[in-house]
């Protein structure tokens, strides 16, 4: 029985006890779980009727993201850019800028398998922002981040909302 509308340009949190359905709700928003009733619209697009169009507008970071550990940080960013068919020049410019913003500028050629959990979280966040999603869904965003990483992530999310009007 969930009904909500999240306006553009805000940071919205979904809180509740374990097992309440937060992750399931987020997966429905992202089109990974089909709603048993009702509809989910992302930027006005039904995620069941037009899944590819809806997914172009969003970015999703699960609570336990899977990474290709044998890639370097930049190879992983390039891989994600390819999934969204982004031009190589854009991937290089934005990808390197995002890696630097998330404190990984000196790790672009390091293998992901050598990263700490917090570094992997920051790599995932940098990668998911590559295609500039209008809606970013992040499950358990602070897990594994140190206090500095938490502040950075909060700042980035607030900036995305305030400056770009993203949610």
C-alpha atoms as a PDB file:
ATOM      1  CA  UNK A   1       0.000   0.000   0.000  1.00  0.00           C
ATOM      2  CA  UNK A   2       2.695   2.514  -0.873  1.00  0.00           C
ATOM      3  CA  UNK A   3       1.739   5.728  -2.586  1.00  0.00           C
ATOM      4  CA  UNK A   4       4.189   8.568  -2.923  1.00  0.00           C
ATOM      5  CA  UNK A   5       5.329  11.273  -5.240  1.00  0.00           C
ATOM      6  CA  UNK A   6       8.862  12.550  -4.966  1.00  0.00           C
ATOM      7  CA  UNK A   7       9.326  15.928  -6.652  1.00  0.00           C
ATOM      8  CA  UNK A   8      12.315  16.709  -8.825  1.00  0.00           C
ATOM      9  CA  UNK A   9      15.287  18.345  -7.192  1.00  0.00           C
ATOM     10  CA  UNK A  10      15.072  16.843  -3.733  1.00  0.00           C
ATOM     11  CA  UNK A  11      16.836  14.248  -1.628  1.00  0.00           C
ATOM     12  CA  UNK A  12      14.289  11.762  -0.294  1.00  0.00           C
ATOM     13  CA  UNK A  13      14.875   9.062   2.291  1.00  0.00           C
ATOM     14  CA  UNK A  14      12.869   5.899   2.773  1.00  0.00           C
ATOM     15  CA  UNK A  15      13.090   4.760   6.388  1.00  0.00           C
ATOM     16  CA  UNK A  16      11.673   1.756   8.195  1.00  0.00           C
ATOM     17  CA  UNK A  17      12.533  -1.394  10.113  1.00  0.00           C
ATOM     18  CA  UNK A  18      14.206  -4.415   8.552  1.00  0.00           C
ATOM     19  CA  UNK A  19      11.782  -6.347   6.385  1.00  0.00           C
ATOM     20  CA  UNK A  20       9.428  -3.408   5.875  1.00  0.00           C
ATOM     21  CA  UNK A  21       9.869  -3.435   2.090  1.00  0.00           C
ATOM     22  CA  UNK A  22      12.260  -0.532   1.505  1.00  0.00           C
ATOM     23  CA  UNK A  23      14.585  -2.464  -0.801  1.00  0.00           C
ATOM     24  CA  UNK A  24      11.660  -4.101  -2.604  1.00  0.00           C
ATOM     25  CA  UNK A  25      10.091  -0.682  -3.165  1.00  0.00           C
ATOM     26  CA  UNK A  26      13.375   0.669  -4.551  1.00  0.00           C
ATOM     27  CA  UNK A  27      13.677  -2.354  -6.848  1.00  0.00           C
ATOM     28  CA  UNK A  28      10.148  -1.694  -8.125  1.00  0.00           C
ATOM     29  CA  UNK A  29      11.058   1.931  -8.837  1.00  0.00           C
ATOM     30  CA  UNK A  30      14.060   0.701 -10.827  1.00  0.00           C
ATOM     31  CA  UNK A  31      12.072  -1.891 -12.752  1.00  0.00           C
ATOM     32  CA  UNK A  32      13.864  -4.857 -11.187  1.00  0.00           C
ATOM     33  CA  UNK A  33      10.749  -6.161  -9.408  1.00  0.00           C
ATOM     34  CA  UNK A  34       7.317  -6.012 -10.997  1.00  0.00           C
ATOM     35  CA  UNK A  35       4.679  -4.330  -8.810  1.00  0.00           C
ATOM     36  CA  UNK A  36       1.855  -6.664  -7.782  1.00  0.00           C
ATOM     37  CA  UNK A  37      -0.565  -3.780  -8.275  1.00  0.00           C
ATOM     38  CA  UNK A  38      -0.472  -0.149  -9.204  1.00  0.00           C
ATOM     39  CA  UNK A  39       2.100   1.670 -11.300  1.00  0.00           C
ATOM     40  CA  UNK A  40       5.553   3.128 -10.923  1.00  0.00           C
ATOM     41  CA  UNK A  41       6.403   6.186 -12.999  1.00  0.00           C
ATOM     42  CA  UNK A  42       9.919   7.544 -13.342  1.00  0.00           C
ATOM     43  CA  UNK A  43      10.009  10.982 -14.895  1.00  0.00           C
ATOM     44  CA  UNK A  44       6.494  10.282 -16.188  1.00  0.00           C
ATOM     45  CA  UNK A  45       7.446   6.942 -17.766  1.00  0.00           C
ATOM     46  CA  UNK A  46       5.911   3.657 -16.601  1.00  0.00           C
ATOM     47  CA  UNK A  47       8.753   1.309 -15.621  1.00  0.00           C
ATOM     48  CA  UNK A  48       6.775  -1.787 -16.662  1.00  0.00           C
ATOM     49  CA  UNK A  49       5.412  -0.496 -19.990  1.00  0.00           C
ATOM     50  CA  UNK A  50       8.603   1.313 -21.102  1.00  0.00           C
ATOM     51  CA  UNK A  51      11.448  -0.166 -19.044  1.00  0.00           C
ATOM     52  CA  UNK A  52      14.365   0.954 -21.216  1.00  0.00           C
ATOM     53  CA  UNK A  53      13.139   4.529 -21.436  1.00  0.00           C
ATOM     54  CA  UNK A  54      12.549   4.648 -17.674  1.00  0.00           C
ATOM     55  CA  UNK A  55      15.970   3.138 -16.931  1.00  0.00           C
ATOM     56  CA  UNK A  56      17.714   5.756 -19.080  1.00  0.00           C
ATOM     57  CA  UNK A  57      16.449   8.367 -16.616  1.00  0.00           C
ATOM     58  CA  UNK A  58      17.653   6.609 -13.488  1.00  0.00           C
ATOM     59  CA  UNK A  59      20.682   5.281 -11.723  1.00  0.00           C
ATOM     60  CA  UNK A  60      20.585   2.504  -9.141  1.00  0.00           C
ATOM     61  CA  UNK A  61      23.081   1.496  -6.482  1.00  0.00           C
ATOM     62  CA  UNK A  62      22.045  -1.684  -4.640  1.00  0.00           C
ATOM     63  CA  UNK A  63      22.953  -2.293  -1.014  1.00  0.00           C
ATOM     64  CA  UNK A  64      25.605  -4.802  -2.140  1.00  0.00           C
ATOM     65  CA  UNK A  65      26.844  -3.729  -5.571  1.00  0.00           C
ATOM     66  CA  UNK A  66      28.718  -6.249  -7.707  1.00  0.00           C
ATOM     67  CA  UNK A  67      31.865  -5.057  -9.408  1.00  0.00           C
ATOM     68  CA  UNK A  68      34.208  -6.591 -11.935  1.00  0.00           C
ATOM     69  CA  UNK A  69      37.209  -6.893  -9.651  1.00  0.00           C
ATOM     70  CA  UNK A  70      39.754  -7.598 -12.413  1.00  0.00           C
ATOM     71  CA  UNK A  71      39.102  -4.225 -14.068  1.00  0.00           C
ATOM     72  CA  UNK A  72      40.844  -1.008 -13.141  1.00  0.00           C
ATOM     73  CA  UNK A  73      38.725   1.831 -11.777  1.00  0.00           C
ATOM     74  CA  UNK A  74      38.738   3.606 -15.132  1.00  0.00           C
ATOM     75  CA  UNK A  75      38.016   0.411 -17.067  1.00  0.00           C
ATOM     76  CA  UNK A  76      34.978  -0.083 -14.835  1.00  0.00           C
ATOM     77  CA  UNK A  77      33.828   3.494 -15.516  1.00  0.00           C
ATOM     78  CA  UNK A  78      34.351   2.916 -19.247  1.00  0.00           C
ATOM     79  CA  UNK A  79      32.301  -0.307 -19.018  1.00  0.00           C
ATOM     80  CA  UNK A  80      29.408   1.549 -17.371  1.00  0.00           C
ATOM     81  CA  UNK A  81      29.641   4.318 -19.974  1.00  0.00           C
ATOM     82  CA  UNK A  82      29.328   1.666 -22.677  1.00  0.00           C
ATOM     83  CA  UNK A  83      26.139   0.345 -21.100  1.00  0.00           C
ATOM     84  CA  UNK A  84      24.597   3.779 -21.641  1.00  0.00           C
ATOM     85  CA  UNK A  85      26.173   4.185 -25.104  1.00  0.00           C
ATOM     86  CA  UNK A  86      27.950   7.346 -24.004  1.00  0.00           C
ATOM     87  CA  UNK A  87      30.572   8.810 -26.352  1.00  0.00           C
ATOM     88  CA  UNK A  88      34.131   7.797 -25.431  1.00  0.00           C
ATOM     89  CA  UNK A  89      35.275  11.415 -25.034  1.00  0.00           C
ATOM     90  CA  UNK A  90      32.422  12.116 -22.606  1.00  0.00           C
ATOM     91  CA  UNK A  91      33.182   8.955 -20.629  1.00  0.00           C
ATOM     92  CA  UNK A  92      36.829   9.921 -20.362  1.00  0.00           C
ATOM     93  CA  UNK A  93      36.205  13.534 -19.323  1.00  0.00           C
ATOM     94  CA  UNK A  94      33.275  12.944 -16.965  1.00  0.00           C
ATOM     95  CA  UNK A  95      34.628   9.628 -15.703  1.00  0.00           C
ATOM     96  CA  UNK A  96      37.999  11.048 -14.700  1.00  0.00           C
ATOM     97  CA  UNK A  97      36.318  14.087 -13.116  1.00  0.00           C
ATOM     98  CA  UNK A  98      33.927  11.884 -11.119  1.00  0.00           C
ATOM     99  CA  UNK A  99      36.726   9.562  -9.995  1.00  0.00           C
ATOM    100  CA  UNK A 100      38.666  12.606  -8.788  1.00  0.00           C
ATOM    101  CA  UNK A 101      35.571  14.040  -7.086  1.00  0.00           C
ATOM    102  CA  UNK A 102      35.127  10.778  -5.181  1.00  0.00           C
ATOM    103  CA  UNK A 103      38.769  10.712  -4.101  1.00  0.00           C
ATOM    104  CA  UNK A 104      39.870   8.048  -6.575  1.00  0.00           C
ATOM    105  CA  UNK A 105      41.790  10.245  -9.003  1.00  0.00           C
ATOM    106  CA  UNK A 106      45.072   8.578  -8.079  1.00  0.00           C
ATOM    107  CA  UNK A 107      43.525   5.096  -8.398  1.00  0.00           C
ATOM    108  CA  UNK A 108      42.262   5.190 -12.003  1.00  0.00           C
ATOM    109  CA  UNK A 109      44.697   2.447 -13.036  1.00  0.00           C
ATOM    110  CA  UNK A 110      44.394   0.368  -9.860  1.00  0.00           C
ATOM    111  CA  UNK A 111      42.503  -2.919  -9.935  1.00  0.00           C
ATOM    112  CA  UNK A 112      39.125  -2.827  -8.212  1.00  0.00           C
ATOM    113  CA  UNK A 113      40.093  -5.957  -6.262  1.00  0.00           C
ATOM    114  CA  UNK A 114      42.684  -3.874  -4.390  1.00  0.00           C
ATOM    115  CA  UNK A 115      40.054  -1.384  -3.160  1.00  0.00           C
ATOM    116  CA  UNK A 116      38.612  -1.226   0.333  1.00  0.00           C
ATOM    117  CA  UNK A 117      34.835  -1.532   0.717  1.00  0.00           C
ATOM    118  CA  UNK A 118      34.513   2.253   1.004  1.00  0.00           C
ATOM    119  CA  UNK A 119      36.567   2.811  -2.139  1.00  0.00           C
ATOM    120  CA  UNK A 120      34.354   0.365  -4.017  1.00  0.00           C
ATOM    121  CA  UNK A 121      31.269   2.268  -2.802  1.00  0.00           C
ATOM    122  CA  UNK A 122      32.756   5.519  -4.079  1.00  0.00           C
ATOM    123  CA  UNK A 123      33.632   3.891  -7.427  1.00  0.00           C
ATOM    124  CA  UNK A 124      30.053   2.699  -7.821  1.00  0.00           C
ATOM    125  CA  UNK A 125      28.727   6.169  -6.995  1.00  0.00           C
ATOM    126  CA  UNK A 126      31.080   7.812  -9.504  1.00  0.00           C
ATOM    127  CA  UNK A 127      30.032   5.313 -12.168  1.00  0.00           C
ATOM    128  CA  UNK A 128      26.299   5.626 -11.597  1.00  0.00           C
ATOM    129  CA  UNK A 129      26.497   9.408 -11.988  1.00  0.00           C
ATOM    130  CA  UNK A 130      28.315   9.106 -15.325  1.00  0.00           C
ATOM    131  CA  UNK A 131      25.148   9.254 -17.445  1.00  0.00           C
ATOM    132  CA  UNK A 132      23.654  12.046 -15.284  1.00  0.00           C
ATOM    133  CA  UNK A 133      20.504  10.234 -14.122  1.00  0.00           C
ATOM    134  CA  UNK A 134      17.532  12.430 -13.253  1.00  0.00           C
ATOM    135  CA  UNK A 135      16.615   9.939 -10.525  1.00  0.00           C
ATOM    136  CA  UNK A 136      19.236   8.239  -8.403  1.00  0.00           C
ATOM    137  CA  UNK A 137      18.095   5.350  -6.194  1.00  0.00           C
ATOM    138  CA  UNK A 138      20.643   4.298  -3.593  1.00  0.00           C
ATOM    139  CA  UNK A 139      20.013   1.470  -1.134  1.00  0.00           C
ATOM    140  CA  UNK A 140      22.006   1.842   2.107  1.00  0.00           C
ATOM    141  CA  UNK A 141      24.219   4.636   0.717  1.00  0.00           C
ATOM    142  CA  UNK A 142      26.428   5.089   3.781  1.00  0.00           C
ATOM    143  CA  UNK A 143      27.388   1.430   4.358  1.00  0.00           C
ATOM    144  CA  UNK A 144      31.151   1.017   4.291  1.00  0.00           C
ATOM    145  CA  UNK A 145      31.935   4.723   4.042  1.00  0.00           C
ATOM    146  CA  UNK A 146      34.130   6.489   6.567  1.00  0.00           C
ATOM    147  CA  UNK A 147      32.947   9.862   7.970  1.00  0.00           C
ATOM    148  CA  UNK A 148      34.759  11.771   5.202  1.00  0.00           C
ATOM    149  CA  UNK A 149      33.164   9.577   2.525  1.00  0.00           C
ATOM    150  CA  UNK A 150      29.740  10.068   4.111  1.00  0.00           C
ATOM    151  CA  UNK A 151      30.120  13.865   4.051  1.00  0.00           C
ATOM    152  CA  UNK A 152      31.292  13.726   0.443  1.00  0.00           C
ATOM    153  CA  UNK A 153      28.348  11.581  -0.632  1.00  0.00           C
ATOM    154  CA  UNK A 154      25.847  13.830   1.175  1.00  0.00           C
ATOM    155  CA  UNK A 155      27.397  16.862  -0.524  1.00  0.00           C
ATOM    156  CA  UNK A 156      27.262  15.231  -3.965  1.00  0.00           C
ATOM    157  CA  UNK A 157      23.634  14.158  -3.534  1.00  0.00           C
ATOM    158  CA  UNK A 158      22.611  17.615  -2.316  1.00  0.00           C
ATOM    159  CA  UNK A 159      24.488  19.256  -5.205  1.00  0.00           C
ATOM    160  CA  UNK A 160      22.830  16.979  -7.765  1.00  0.00           C
ATOM    161  CA  UNK A 161      19.432  17.976  -6.382  1.00  0.00           C
ATOM    162  CA  UNK A 162      20.085  21.692  -5.931  1.00  0.00           C
ATOM    163  CA  UNK A 163      22.179  22.467  -9.012  1.00  0.00           C
ATOM    164  CA  UNK A 164      20.829  19.986 -11.569  1.00  0.00           C
ATOM    165  CA  UNK A 165      17.285  19.446 -10.294  1.00  0.00           C
ATOM    166  CA  UNK A 166      17.913  15.700 -10.052  1.00  0.00           C
ATOM    167  CA  UNK A 167      16.227  13.574  -7.431  1.00  0.00           C
END
